[in-house]
Amino acid sequence: MQRYFGEVIKGELTLSKDDQFHLLKVMRTKIGEQFELVSKEGKLAIYEVVSIEPFKSKLVKFLDEVDPKKPYLKLYYCLSKGSKVDLVVQKATELGVDEVILLLSEYVVIRLDKKKEKKD
């Protein structure tokens, strides 16, 4: 289930334009589908899409826990050509990976740049 961050003002759900676009255009959410909302107060609730244009939704129920226990994520990454390792570690961290393990395999072709090797 998709989770969004928004605000509830006078009983009306307010999502940013970017979140509305993502929910309706990217995820192609239809009327009757549900999504999770975390309010600025830290409350978690499930909402159901009632109308697409204009965007409207209704509260289905409140949930007790905002941050449920997530599993421990470990990423095994085979080294690749070029300097992609930094990008992979950065994106994995952004996604919530707990541990990144770099591997060498039989089929990995690594080309080390002698100039960059001397800088470190």
PDB file of N, CA and C in Angstrom:
ATOM      1  N   MET A   1       0.851  -1.174   0.000  1.00  0.00           N
ATOM      2  CA  MET A   1       0.000   0.000   0.000  1.00  0.00           C
ATOM      3  C   MET A   1       0.893   1.233   0.000  1.00  0.00           C
ATOM      4  N   GLN A   2       0.532   2.202  -0.810  1.00  0.00           N
ATOM      5  CA  GLN A   2       1.301   3.437  -0.906  1.00  0.00           C
ATOM      6  C   GLN A   2       1.141   4.263   0.367  1.00  0.00           C
ATOM      7  N   ARG A   3       2.218   4.954   0.776  1.00  0.00           N
ATOM      8  CA  ARG A   3       2.171   5.802   1.957  1.00  0.00           C
ATOM      9  C   ARG A   3       2.565   7.213   1.549  1.00  0.00           C
ATOM     10  N   TYR A   4       1.752   8.172   1.978  1.00  0.00           N
ATOM     11  CA  TYR A   4       1.997   9.574   1.660  1.00  0.00           C
ATOM     12  C   TYR A   4       2.001  10.383   2.942  1.00  0.00           C
ATOM     13  N   PHE A   5       2.576  11.573   2.858  1.00  0.00           N
ATOM     14  CA  PHE A   5       2.632  12.483   3.989  1.00  0.00           C
ATOM     15  C   PHE A   5       1.792  13.698   3.642  1.00  0.00           C
ATOM     16  N   GLY A   6       0.853  14.026   4.486  1.00  0.00           N
ATOM     17  CA  GLY A   6      -0.049  15.129   4.194  1.00  0.00           C
ATOM     18  C   GLY A   6      -0.546  15.781   5.456  1.00  0.00           C
ATOM     19  N   GLU A   7      -1.611  16.535   5.281  1.00  0.00           N
ATOM     20  CA  GLU A   7      -2.151  17.311   6.376  1.00  0.00           C
ATOM     21  C   GLU A   7      -3.670  17.200   6.345  1.00  0.00           C
ATOM     22  N   VAL A   8      -4.275  17.136   7.505  1.00  0.00           N
ATOM     23  CA  VAL A   8      -5.728  17.108   7.598  1.00  0.00           C
ATOM     24  C   VAL A   8      -6.165  18.438   8.197  1.00  0.00           C
ATOM     25  N   ILE A   9      -6.881  19.225   7.379  1.00  0.00           N
ATOM     26  CA  ILE A   9      -7.340  20.535   7.821  1.00  0.00           C
ATOM     27  C   ILE A   9      -8.866  20.535   7.784  1.00  0.00           C
ATOM     28  N   LYS A  10      -9.483  20.752   8.930  1.00  0.00           N
ATOM     29  CA  LYS A  10     -10.946  20.762   9.063  1.00  0.00           C
ATOM     30  C   LYS A  10     -11.570  19.495   8.492  1.00  0.00           C
ATOM     31  N   GLY A  11     -10.946  18.373   8.747  1.00  0.00           N
ATOM     32  CA  GLY A  11     -11.469  17.096   8.290  1.00  0.00           C
ATOM     33  C   GLY A  11     -11.187  16.772   6.833  1.00  0.00           C
ATOM     34  N   GLU A  12     -10.563  17.681   6.097  1.00  0.00           N
ATOM     35  CA  GLU A  12     -10.240  17.476   4.676  1.00  0.00           C
ATOM     36  C   GLU A  12      -8.764  17.115   4.534  1.00  0.00           C
ATOM     37  N   LEU A  13      -8.496  16.080   3.767  1.00  0.00           N
ATOM     38  CA  LEU A  13      -7.123  15.659   3.508  1.00  0.00           C
ATOM     39  C   LEU A  13      -6.481  16.594   2.495  1.00  0.00           C
ATOM     40  N   THR A  14      -5.273  17.056   2.784  1.00  0.00           N
ATOM     41  CA  THR A  14      -4.537  17.911   1.867  1.00  0.00           C
ATOM     42  C   THR A  14      -3.232  17.229   1.499  1.00  0.00           C
ATOM     43  N   LEU A  15      -3.099  16.872   0.235  1.00  0.00           N
ATOM     44  CA  LEU A  15      -1.853  16.317  -0.295  1.00  0.00           C
ATOM     45  C   LEU A  15      -1.215  17.363  -1.197  1.00  0.00           C
ATOM     46  N   SER A  16       0.113  17.366  -1.276  1.00  0.00           N
ATOM     47  CA  SER A  16       0.786  18.283  -2.190  1.00  0.00           C
ATOM     48  C   SER A  16       0.431  17.918  -3.625  1.00  0.00           C
ATOM     49  N   LYS A  17       0.619  18.857  -4.529  1.00  0.00           N
ATOM     50  CA  LYS A  17       0.328  18.612  -5.954  1.00  0.00           C
ATOM     51  C   LYS A  17       1.192  17.468  -6.485  1.00  0.00           C
ATOM     52  N   ASP A  18       2.455  17.406  -6.030  1.00  0.00           N
ATOM     53  CA  ASP A  18       3.344  16.322  -6.469  1.00  0.00           C
ATOM     54  C   ASP A  18       2.827  14.960  -6.002  1.00  0.00           C
ATOM     55  N   ASP A  19       2.358  14.890  -4.755  1.00  0.00           N
ATOM     56  CA  ASP A  19       1.827  13.626  -4.237  1.00  0.00           C
ATOM     57  C   ASP A  19       0.536  13.233  -4.945  1.00  0.00           C
ATOM     58  N   GLN A  20      -0.298  14.225  -5.228  1.00  0.00           N
ATOM     59  CA  GLN A  20      -1.528  13.934  -5.979  1.00  0.00           C
ATOM     60  C   GLN A  20      -1.192  13.396  -7.369  1.00  0.00           C
ATOM     61  N   PHE A  21      -0.220  14.038  -8.036  1.00  0.00           N
ATOM     62  CA  PHE A  21       0.195  13.582  -9.361  1.00  0.00           C
ATOM     63  C   PHE A  21       0.717  12.149  -9.284  1.00  0.00           C
ATOM     64  N   HIS A  22       1.567  11.874  -8.286  1.00  0.00           N
ATOM     65  CA  HIS A  22       2.136  10.540  -8.137  1.00  0.00           C
ATOM     66  C   HIS A  22       1.045   9.505  -7.875  1.00  0.00           C
ATOM     67  N   LEU A  23       0.138   9.831  -6.985  1.00  0.00           N
ATOM     68  CA  LEU A  23      -0.933   8.909  -6.618  1.00  0.00           C
ATOM     69  C   LEU A  23      -1.850   8.612  -7.805  1.00  0.00           C
ATOM     70  N   LEU A  24      -2.233   9.650  -8.544  1.00  0.00           N
ATOM     71  CA  LEU A  24      -3.230   9.484  -9.599  1.00  0.00           C
ATOM     72  C   LEU A  24      -2.640   9.129 -10.964  1.00  0.00           C
ATOM     73  N   LYS A  25      -1.521   9.741 -11.328  1.00  0.00           N
ATOM     74  CA  LYS A  25      -0.968   9.535 -12.672  1.00  0.00           C
ATOM     75  C   LYS A  25       0.089   8.430 -12.718  1.00  0.00           C
ATOM     76  N   VAL A  26       1.007   8.457 -11.751  1.00  0.00           N
ATOM     77  CA  VAL A  26       2.090   7.470 -11.765  1.00  0.00           C
ATOM     78  C   VAL A  26       1.592   6.115 -11.277  1.00  0.00           C
ATOM     79  N   MET A  27       0.919   6.089 -10.132  1.00  0.00           N
ATOM     80  CA  MET A  27       0.428   4.834  -9.562  1.00  0.00           C
ATOM     81  C   MET A  27      -0.931   4.434 -10.135  1.00  0.00           C
ATOM     82  N   ARG A  28      -1.544   5.326 -10.893  1.00  0.00           N
ATOM     83  CA  ARG A  28      -2.838   5.076 -11.558  1.00  0.00           C
ATOM     84  C   ARG A  28      -3.906   4.582 -10.577  1.00  0.00           C
ATOM     85  N   THR A  29      -3.962   5.269  -9.444  1.00  0.00           N
ATOM     86  CA  THR A  29      -4.943   4.924  -8.430  1.00  0.00           C
ATOM     87  C   THR A  29      -6.343   5.238  -8.938  1.00  0.00           C
ATOM     88  N   LYS A  30      -7.261   4.335  -8.687  1.00  0.00           N
ATOM     89  CA  LYS A  30      -8.643   4.489  -9.137  1.00  0.00           C
ATOM     90  C   LYS A  30      -9.562   4.735  -7.946  1.00  0.00           C
ATOM     91  N   ILE A  31     -10.775   5.165  -8.238  1.00  0.00           N
ATOM     92  CA  ILE A  31     -11.762   5.393  -7.188  1.00  0.00           C
ATOM     93  C   ILE A  31     -11.997   4.078  -6.448  1.00  0.00           C
ATOM     94  N   GLY A  32     -11.992   4.159  -5.122  1.00  0.00           N
ATOM     95  CA  GLY A  32     -12.200   2.983  -4.284  1.00  0.00           C
ATOM     96  C   GLY A  32     -10.900   2.374  -3.763  1.00  0.00           C
ATOM     97  N   GLU A  33      -9.762   2.733  -4.352  1.00  0.00           N
ATOM     98  CA  GLU A  33      -8.485   2.205  -3.861  1.00  0.00           C
ATOM     99  C   GLU A  33      -8.046   2.980  -2.626  1.00  0.00           C
ATOM    100  N   GLN A  34      -7.244   2.322  -1.812  1.00  0.00           N
ATOM    101  CA  GLN A  34      -6.838   2.908  -0.543  1.00  0.00           C
ATOM    102  C   GLN A  34      -5.345   3.204  -0.522  1.00  0.00           C
ATOM    103  N   PHE A  35      -4.973   4.148   0.347  1.00  0.00           N
ATOM    104  CA  PHE A  35      -3.571   4.499   0.574  1.00  0.00           C
ATOM    105  C   PHE A  35      -3.416   4.930   2.027  1.00  0.00           C
ATOM    106  N   GLU A  36      -2.166   4.908   2.503  1.00  0.00           N
ATOM    107  CA  GLU A  36      -1.884   5.319   3.874  1.00  0.00           C
ATOM    108  C   GLU A  36      -1.460   6.778   3.882  1.00  0.00           C
ATOM    109  N   LEU A  37      -1.814   7.470   4.950  1.00  0.00           N
ATOM    110  CA  LEU A  37      -1.416   8.863   5.116  1.00  0.00           C
ATOM    111  C   LEU A  37      -0.824   9.043   6.499  1.00  0.00           C
ATOM    112  N   VAL A  38       0.341   9.670   6.554  1.00  0.00           N
ATOM    113  CA  VAL A  38       0.948  10.050   7.826  1.00  0.00           C
ATOM    114  C   VAL A  38       0.783  11.558   7.940  1.00  0.00           C
ATOM    115  N   SER A  39       0.093  11.997   8.985  1.00  0.00           N
ATOM    116  CA  SER A  39      -0.146  13.427   9.169  1.00  0.00           C
ATOM    117  C   SER A  39       1.061  14.075   9.835  1.00  0.00           C
ATOM    118  N   LYS A  40       1.067  15.399   9.848  1.00  0.00           N
ATOM    119  CA  LYS A  40       2.174  16.132  10.475  1.00  0.00           C
ATOM    120  C   LYS A  40       2.256  15.852  11.971  1.00  0.00           C
ATOM    121  N   GLU A  41       1.140  15.433  12.541  1.00  0.00           N
ATOM    122  CA  GLU A  41       1.118  15.099  13.974  1.00  0.00           C
ATOM    123  C   GLU A  41       1.673  13.704  14.235  1.00  0.00           C
ATOM    124  N   GLY A  42       1.938  12.946  13.165  1.00  0.00           N
ATOM    125  CA  GLY A  42       2.487  11.608  13.310  1.00  0.00           C
ATOM    126  C   GLY A  42       1.449  10.512  13.391  1.00  0.00           C
ATOM    127  N   LYS A  43       0.204  10.832  13.067  1.00  0.00           N
ATOM    128  CA  LYS A  43      -0.859   9.822  13.098  1.00  0.00           C
ATOM    129  C   LYS A  43      -0.948   9.135  11.741  1.00  0.00           C
ATOM    130  N   LEU A  44      -1.176   7.845  11.771  1.00  0.00           N
ATOM    131  CA  LEU A  44      -1.277   7.048  10.556  1.00  0.00           C
ATOM    132  C   LEU A  44      -2.725   6.652  10.330  1.00  0.00           C
ATOM    133  N   ALA A  45      -3.191   6.841   9.091  1.00  0.00           N
ATOM    134  CA  ALA A  45      -4.577   6.505   8.769  1.00  0.00           C
ATOM    135  C   ALA A  45      -4.649   5.948   7.358  1.00  0.00           C
ATOM    136  N   ILE A  46      -5.715   5.225   7.099  1.00  0.00           N
ATOM    137  CA  ILE A  46      -5.978   4.716   5.756  1.00  0.00           C
ATOM    138  C   ILE A  46      -7.097   5.558   5.151  1.00  0.00           C
ATOM    139  N   TYR A  47      -6.848   6.027   3.930  1.00  0.00           N
ATOM    140  CA  TYR A  47      -7.833   6.819   3.207  1.00  0.00           C
ATOM    141  C   TYR A  47      -8.217   6.085   1.933  1.00  0.00           C
ATOM    142  N   GLU A  48      -9.415   6.383   1.454  1.00  0.00           N
ATOM    143  CA  GLU A  48      -9.917   5.791   0.218  1.00  0.00           C
ATOM    144  C   GLU A  48     -10.211   6.917  -0.774  1.00  0.00           C
ATOM    145  N   VAL A  49      -9.811   6.729  -2.030  1.00  0.00           N
ATOM    146  CA  VAL A  49     -10.049   7.736  -3.064  1.00  0.00           C
ATOM    147  C   VAL A  49     -11.536   7.730  -3.410  1.00  0.00           C
ATOM    148  N   VAL A  50     -12.150   8.920  -3.321  1.00  0.00           N
ATOM    149  CA  VAL A  50     -13.568   9.074  -3.609  1.00  0.00           C
ATOM    150  C   VAL A  50     -13.771   9.731  -4.969  1.00  0.00           C
ATOM    151  N   SER A  51     -12.898  10.683  -5.314  1.00  0.00           N
ATOM    152  CA  SER A  51     -13.021  11.422  -6.562  1.00  0.00           C
ATOM    153  C   SER A  51     -11.631  11.704  -7.123  1.00  0.00           C
ATOM    154  N   ILE A  52     -11.510  11.608  -8.446  1.00  0.00           N
ATOM    155  CA  ILE A  52     -10.222  11.854  -9.091  1.00  0.00           C
ATOM    156  C   ILE A  52     -10.070  13.332  -9.447  1.00  0.00           C
ATOM    157  N   GLU A  53     -11.067  13.905 -10.088  1.00  0.00           N
ATOM    158  CA  GLU A  53     -11.014  15.291 -10.545  1.00  0.00           C
ATOM    159  C   GLU A  53     -12.225  16.037 -10.031  1.00  0.00           C
ATOM    160  N   PRO A  54     -12.141  16.827  -9.013  1.00  0.00           N
ATOM    161  CA  PRO A  54     -10.993  17.149  -8.179  1.00  0.00           C
ATOM    162  C   PRO A  54     -10.691  16.001  -7.211  1.00  0.00           C
ATOM    163  N   PHE A  55      -9.447  15.951  -6.767  1.00  0.00           N
ATOM    164  CA  PHE A  55      -9.024  14.866  -5.885  1.00  0.00           C
ATOM    165  C   PHE A  55      -9.707  14.996  -4.529  1.00  0.00           C
ATOM    166  N   LYS A  56     -10.386  13.934  -4.133  1.00  0.00           N
ATOM    167  CA  LYS A  56     -10.999  13.873  -2.807  1.00  0.00           C
ATOM    168  C   LYS A  56     -10.860  12.446  -2.281  1.00  0.00           C
ATOM    169  N   SER A  57     -10.755  12.361  -0.962  1.00  0.00           N
ATOM    170  CA  SER A  57     -10.656  11.044  -0.334  1.00  0.00           C
ATOM    171  C   SER A  57     -11.384  11.081   1.002  1.00  0.00           C
ATOM    172  N   LYS A  58     -11.679   9.887   1.525  1.00  0.00           N
ATOM    173  CA  LYS A  58     -12.356   9.819   2.823  1.00  0.00           C
ATOM    174  C   LYS A  58     -11.563   8.914   3.756  1.00  0.00           C
ATOM    175  N   LEU A  59     -11.665   9.209   5.021  1.00  0.00           N
ATOM    176  CA  LEU A  59     -10.987   8.434   6.058  1.00  0.00           C
ATOM    177  C   LEU A  59     -11.666   7.085   6.200  1.00  0.00           C
ATOM    178  N   VAL A  60     -10.859   6.018   6.173  1.00  0.00           N
ATOM    179  CA  VAL A  60     -11.389   4.668   6.383  1.00  0.00           C
ATOM    180  C   VAL A  60     -11.191   4.273   7.840  1.00  0.00           C
ATOM    181  N   LYS A  61      -9.955   4.372   8.320  1.00  0.00           N
ATOM    182  CA  LYS A  61      -9.684   4.068   9.728  1.00  0.00           C
ATOM    183  C   LYS A  61      -8.308   4.570  10.123  1.00  0.00           C
ATOM    184  N   PHE A  62      -8.143   4.792  11.409  1.00  0.00           N
ATOM    185  CA  PHE A  62      -6.851   5.166  11.969  1.00  0.00           C
ATOM    186  C   PHE A  62      -6.096   3.900  12.332  1.00  0.00           C
ATOM    187  N   LEU A  63      -4.785   3.924  12.184  1.00  0.00           N
ATOM    188  CA  LEU A  63      -3.936   2.806  12.582  1.00  0.00           C
ATOM    189  C   LEU A  63      -3.148   3.216  13.813  1.00  0.00           C
ATOM    190  N   ASP A  64      -2.772   2.240  14.606  1.00  0.00           N
ATOM    191  CA  ASP A  64      -2.098   2.526  15.875  1.00  0.00           C
ATOM    192  C   ASP A  64      -0.653   2.954  15.712  1.00  0.00           C
ATOM    193  N   GLU A  65       0.077   2.324  14.839  1.00  0.00           N
ATOM    194  CA  GLU A  65       1.520   2.474  14.796  1.00  0.00           C
ATOM    195  C   GLU A  65       1.982   3.135  13.503  1.00  0.00           C
ATOM    196  N   VAL A  66       2.795   4.182  13.622  1.00  0.00           N
ATOM    197  CA  VAL A  66       3.303   4.876  12.445  1.00  0.00           C
ATOM    198  C   VAL A  66       4.512   4.161  11.873  1.00  0.00           C
ATOM    199  N   ASP A  67       5.416   3.702  12.724  1.00  0.00           N
ATOM    200  CA  ASP A  67       6.657   3.107  12.253  1.00  0.00           C
ATOM    201  C   ASP A  67       6.714   1.625  12.647  1.00  0.00           C
ATOM    202  N   PRO A  68       6.061   0.768  11.881  1.00  0.00           N
ATOM    203  CA  PRO A  68       6.103  -0.653  12.240  1.00  0.00           C
ATOM    204  C   PRO A  68       7.523  -1.191  12.087  1.00  0.00           C
ATOM    205  N   LYS A  69       7.778  -2.292  12.741  1.00  0.00           N
ATOM    206  CA  LYS A  69       9.099  -2.910  12.650  1.00  0.00           C
ATOM    207  C   LYS A  69       9.379  -3.298  11.212  1.00  0.00           C
ATOM    208  N   LYS A  70      10.455  -2.743  10.674  1.00  0.00           N
ATOM    209  CA  LYS A  70      10.817  -3.097   9.305  1.00  0.00           C
ATOM    210  C   LYS A  70      11.860  -4.198   9.336  1.00  0.00           C
ATOM    211  N   PRO A  71      11.900  -4.997   8.312  1.00  0.00           N
ATOM    212  CA  PRO A  71      12.894  -6.073   8.290  1.00  0.00           C
ATOM    213  C   PRO A  71      14.294  -5.507   8.084  1.00  0.00           C
ATOM    214  N   TYR A  72      15.274  -6.244   8.525  1.00  0.00           N
ATOM    215  CA  TYR A  72      16.664  -5.866   8.323  1.00  0.00           C
ATOM    216  C   TYR A  72      17.014  -6.155   6.866  1.00  0.00           C
ATOM    217  N   LEU A  73      17.410  -5.125   6.119  1.00  0.00           N
ATOM    218  CA  LEU A  73      17.699  -5.286   4.694  1.00  0.00           C
ATOM    219  C   LEU A  73      19.198  -5.302   4.444  1.00  0.00           C
ATOM    220  N   LYS A  74      19.630  -6.318   3.721  1.00  0.00           N
ATOM    221  CA  LYS A  74      21.041  -6.476   3.387  1.00  0.00           C
ATOM    222  C   LYS A  74      21.134  -6.573   1.869  1.00  0.00           C
ATOM    223  N   LEU A  75      21.967  -5.721   1.253  1.00  0.00           N
ATOM    224  CA  LEU A  75      22.131  -5.703  -0.194  1.00  0.00           C
ATOM    225  C   LEU A  75      23.494  -6.289  -0.542  1.00  0.00           C
ATOM    226  N   TYR A  76      23.484  -7.309  -1.388  1.00  0.00           N
ATOM    227  CA  TYR A  76      24.716  -7.881  -1.912  1.00  0.00           C
ATOM    228  C   TYR A  76      24.902  -7.320  -3.315  1.00  0.00           C
ATOM    229  N   TYR A  77      26.012  -6.619  -3.542  1.00  0.00           N
ATOM    230  CA  TYR A  77      26.237  -5.940  -4.818  1.00  0.00           C
ATOM    231  C   TYR A  77      27.582  -6.368  -5.400  1.00  0.00           C
ATOM    232  N   CYS A  78      27.547  -6.946  -6.608  1.00  0.00           N
ATOM    233  CA  CYS A  78      28.786  -7.296  -7.301  1.00  0.00           C
ATOM    234  C   CYS A  78      29.385  -6.039  -7.896  1.00  0.00           C
ATOM    235  N   LEU A  79      30.677  -5.861  -7.685  1.00  0.00           N
ATOM    236  CA  LEU A  79      31.355  -4.686  -8.216  1.00  0.00           C
ATOM    237  C   LEU A  79      31.199  -4.629  -9.724  1.00  0.00           C
ATOM    238  N   SER A  80      31.114  -3.421 -10.246  1.00  0.00           N
ATOM    239  CA  SER A  80      30.898  -3.251 -11.674  1.00  0.00           C
ATOM    240  C   SER A  80      31.944  -2.301 -12.254  1.00  0.00           C
ATOM    241  N   LYS A  81      31.918  -2.206 -13.580  1.00  0.00           N
ATOM    242  CA  LYS A  81      32.839  -1.290 -14.258  1.00  0.00           C
ATOM    243  C   LYS A  81      32.508   0.144 -13.874  1.00  0.00           C
ATOM    244  N   GLY A  82      33.506   0.998 -13.924  1.00  0.00           N
ATOM    245  CA  GLY A  82      33.263   2.408 -13.650  1.00  0.00           C
ATOM    246  C   GLY A  82      33.096   2.684 -12.172  1.00  0.00           C
ATOM    247  N   SER A  83      32.602   3.853 -11.886  1.00  0.00           N
ATOM    248  CA  SER A  83      32.455   4.270 -10.479  1.00  0.00           C
ATOM    249  C   SER A  83      30.986   4.272 -10.079  1.00  0.00           C
ATOM    250  N   LYS A  84      30.321   3.155 -10.277  1.00  0.00           N
ATOM    251  CA  LYS A  84      28.901   3.054  -9.951  1.00  0.00           C
ATOM    252  C   LYS A  84      28.671   2.686  -8.484  1.00  0.00           C
ATOM    253  N   VAL A  85      29.685   2.258  -7.802  1.00  0.00           N
ATOM    254  CA  VAL A  85      29.528   1.784  -6.427  1.00  0.00           C
ATOM    255  C   VAL A  85      29.013   2.909  -5.532  1.00  0.00           C
ATOM    256  N   ASP A  86      29.563   4.107  -5.683  1.00  0.00           N
ATOM    257  CA  ASP A  86      29.121   5.230  -4.856  1.00  0.00           C
ATOM    258  C   ASP A  86      27.635   5.504  -5.045  1.00  0.00           C
ATOM    259  N   LEU A  87      27.188   5.485  -6.280  1.00  0.00           N
ATOM    260  CA  LEU A  87      25.778   5.738  -6.571  1.00  0.00           C
ATOM    261  C   LEU A  87      24.894   4.633  -6.002  1.00  0.00           C
ATOM    262  N   VAL A  88      25.314   3.391  -6.144  1.00  0.00           N
ATOM    263  CA  VAL A  88      24.528   2.267  -5.630  1.00  0.00           C
ATOM    264  C   VAL A  88      24.414   2.349  -4.111  1.00  0.00           C
ATOM    265  N   VAL A  89      25.503   2.638  -3.430  1.00  0.00           N
ATOM    266  CA  VAL A  89      25.472   2.743  -1.962  1.00  0.00           C
ATOM    267  C   VAL A  89      24.597   3.917  -1.535  1.00  0.00           C
ATOM    268  N   GLN A  90      24.708   5.041  -2.242  1.00  0.00           N
ATOM    269  CA  GLN A  90      23.896   6.214  -1.918  1.00  0.00           C
ATOM    270  C   GLN A  90      22.409   5.898  -2.049  1.00  0.00           C
ATOM    271  N   LYS A  91      22.010   5.328  -3.170  1.00  0.00           N
ATOM    272  CA  LYS A  91      20.594   5.041  -3.404  1.00  0.00           C
ATOM    273  C   LYS A  91      20.072   3.948  -2.462  1.00  0.00           C
ATOM    274  N   ALA A  92      20.900   2.967  -2.173  1.00  0.00           N
ATOM    275  CA  ALA A  92      20.492   1.912  -1.244  1.00  0.00           C
ATOM    276  C   ALA A  92      20.240   2.499   0.145  1.00  0.00           C
ATOM    277  N   THR A  93      21.097   3.410   0.553  1.00  0.00           N
ATOM    278  CA  THR A  93      20.932   4.071   1.847  1.00  0.00           C
ATOM    279  C   THR A  93      19.647   4.887   1.869  1.00  0.00           C
ATOM    280  N   GLU A  94      19.383   5.606   0.781  1.00  0.00           N
ATOM    281  CA  GLU A  94      18.155   6.404   0.696  1.00  0.00           C
ATOM    282  C   GLU A  94      16.909   5.526   0.779  1.00  0.00           C
ATOM    283  N   LEU A  95      17.001   4.316   0.264  1.00  0.00           N
ATOM    284  CA  LEU A  95      15.858   3.404   0.276  1.00  0.00           C
ATOM    285  C   LEU A  95      15.712   2.660   1.602  1.00  0.00           C
ATOM    286  N   GLY A  96      16.694   2.796   2.494  1.00  0.00           N
ATOM    287  CA  GLY A  96      16.568   2.186   3.811  1.00  0.00           C
ATOM    288  C   GLY A  96      17.305   0.876   3.990  1.00  0.00           C
ATOM    289  N   VAL A  97      18.258   0.580   3.110  1.00  0.00           N
ATOM    290  CA  VAL A  97      19.045  -0.641   3.259  1.00  0.00           C
ATOM    291  C   VAL A  97      19.951  -0.487   4.476  1.00  0.00           C
ATOM    292  N   ASP A  98      20.001  -1.505   5.317  1.00  0.00           N
ATOM    293  CA  ASP A  98      20.783  -1.441   6.546  1.00  0.00           C
ATOM    294  C   ASP A  98      22.259  -1.773   6.330  1.00  0.00           C
ATOM    295  N   GLU A  99      22.537  -2.648   5.376  1.00  0.00           N
ATOM    296  CA  GLU A  99      23.915  -3.100   5.171  1.00  0.00           C
ATOM    297  C   GLU A  99      24.153  -3.377   3.688  1.00  0.00           C
ATOM    298  N   VAL A 100      25.282  -2.892   3.167  1.00  0.00           N
ATOM    299  CA  VAL A 100      25.664  -3.143   1.775  1.00  0.00           C
ATOM    300  C   VAL A 100      26.940  -3.971   1.789  1.00  0.00           C
ATOM    301  N   ILE A 101      26.912  -5.107   1.108  1.00  0.00           N
ATOM    302  CA  ILE A 101      28.070  -5.985   1.046  1.00  0.00           C
ATOM    303  C   ILE A 101      28.532  -6.036  -0.409  1.00  0.00           C
ATOM    304  N   LEU A 102      29.775  -5.643  -0.631  1.00  0.00           N
ATOM    305  CA  LEU A 102      30.346  -5.645  -1.974  1.00  0.00           C
ATOM    306  C   LEU A 102      30.986  -6.995  -2.255  1.00  0.00           C
ATOM    307  N   LEU A 103      30.723  -7.526  -3.435  1.00  0.00           N
ATOM    308  CA  LEU A 103      31.211  -8.857  -3.788  1.00  0.00           C
ATOM    309  C   LEU A 103      32.049  -8.828  -5.051  1.00  0.00           C
ATOM    310  N   LEU A 104      32.974  -9.743  -5.123  1.00  0.00           N
ATOM    311  CA  LEU A 104      33.691 -10.032  -6.358  1.00  0.00           C
ATOM    312  C   LEU A 104      33.202 -11.385  -6.841  1.00  0.00           C
ATOM    313  N   SER A 105      32.855 -11.464  -8.116  1.00  0.00           N
ATOM    314  CA  SER A 105      32.434 -12.755  -8.635  1.00  0.00           C
ATOM    315  C   SER A 105      33.314 -13.139  -9.817  1.00  0.00           C
ATOM    316  N   GLU A 106      33.146 -14.320 -10.272  1.00  0.00           N
ATOM    317  CA  GLU A 106      33.953 -14.847 -11.361  1.00  0.00           C
ATOM    318  C   GLU A 106      33.769 -14.044 -12.648  1.00  0.00           C
ATOM    319  N   TYR A 107      32.584 -13.495 -12.856  1.00  0.00           N
ATOM    320  CA  TYR A 107      32.267 -12.829 -14.117  1.00  0.00           C
ATOM    321  C   TYR A 107      32.350 -11.310 -14.058  1.00  0.00           C
ATOM    322  N   VAL A 108      32.779 -10.768 -12.935  1.00  0.00           N
ATOM    323  CA  VAL A 108      32.888  -9.317 -12.811  1.00  0.00           C
ATOM    324  C   VAL A 108      34.153  -8.841 -13.499  1.00  0.00           C
ATOM    325  N   VAL A 109      34.001  -7.809 -14.315  1.00  0.00           N
ATOM    326  CA  VAL A 109      35.144  -7.185 -14.983  1.00  0.00           C
ATOM    327  C   VAL A 109      35.315  -5.807 -14.371  1.00  0.00           C
ATOM    328  N   ILE A 110      36.410  -5.628 -13.646  1.00  0.00           N
ATOM    329  CA  ILE A 110      36.657  -4.347 -12.997  1.00  0.00           C
ATOM    330  C   ILE A 110      37.835  -3.688 -13.694  1.00  0.00           C
ATOM    331  N   ARG A 111      37.642  -2.450 -14.065  1.00  0.00           N
ATOM    332  CA  ARG A 111      38.723  -1.669 -14.666  1.00  0.00           C
ATOM    333  C   ARG A 111      39.071  -0.552 -13.702  1.00  0.00           C
ATOM    334  N   LEU A 112      40.211  -0.671 -13.080  1.00  0.00           N
ATOM    335  CA  LEU A 112      40.641   0.348 -12.140  1.00  0.00           C
ATOM    336  C   LEU A 112      41.384   1.443 -12.888  1.00  0.00           C
ATOM    337  N   ASP A 113      41.058   2.681 -12.559  1.00  0.00           N
ATOM    338  CA  ASP A 113      41.708   3.827 -13.161  1.00  0.00           C
ATOM    339  C   ASP A 113      42.951   4.141 -12.332  1.00  0.00           C
ATOM    340  N   LYS A 114      44.118   4.048 -12.939  1.00  0.00           N
ATOM    341  CA  LYS A 114      45.384   4.249 -12.210  1.00  0.00           C
ATOM    342  C   LYS A 114      45.475   5.656 -11.636  1.00  0.00           C
ATOM    343  N   LYS A 115      44.928   6.648 -12.318  1.00  0.00           N
ATOM    344  CA  LYS A 115      44.985   8.027 -11.828  1.00  0.00           C
ATOM    345  C   LYS A 115      44.156   8.174 -10.545  1.00  0.00           C
ATOM    346  N   LYS A 116      42.987   7.602 -10.545  1.00  0.00           N
ATOM    347  CA  LYS A 116      42.120   7.691  -9.360  1.00  0.00           C
ATOM    348  C   LYS A 116      42.682   6.874  -8.208  1.00  0.00           C
ATOM    349  N   GLU A 117      43.358   5.770  -8.532  1.00  0.00           N
ATOM    350  CA  GLU A 117      43.921   4.915  -7.500  1.00  0.00           C
ATOM    351  C   GLU A 117      45.003   5.659  -6.727  1.00  0.00           C
ATOM    352  N   LYS A 118      45.795   6.474  -7.397  1.00  0.00           N
ATOM    353  CA  LYS A 118      46.881   7.220  -6.750  1.00  0.00           C
ATOM    354  C   LYS A 118      46.358   8.353  -5.883  1.00  0.00           C
ATOM    355  N   LYS A 119      45.167   8.895  -6.186  1.00  0.00           N
ATOM    356  CA  LYS A 119      44.610  10.001  -5.400  1.00  0.00           C
ATOM    357  C   LYS A 119      44.274   9.566  -3.995  1.00  0.00           C
ATOM    358  N   ASP A 120      43.815   8.344  -3.825  1.00  0.00           N
ATOM    359  CA  ASP A 120      43.412   7.868  -2.508  1.00  0.00           C
ATOM    360  C   ASP A 120      44.602   7.444  -1.759  1.00  0.00           C
TER     361      ASP A 120
END
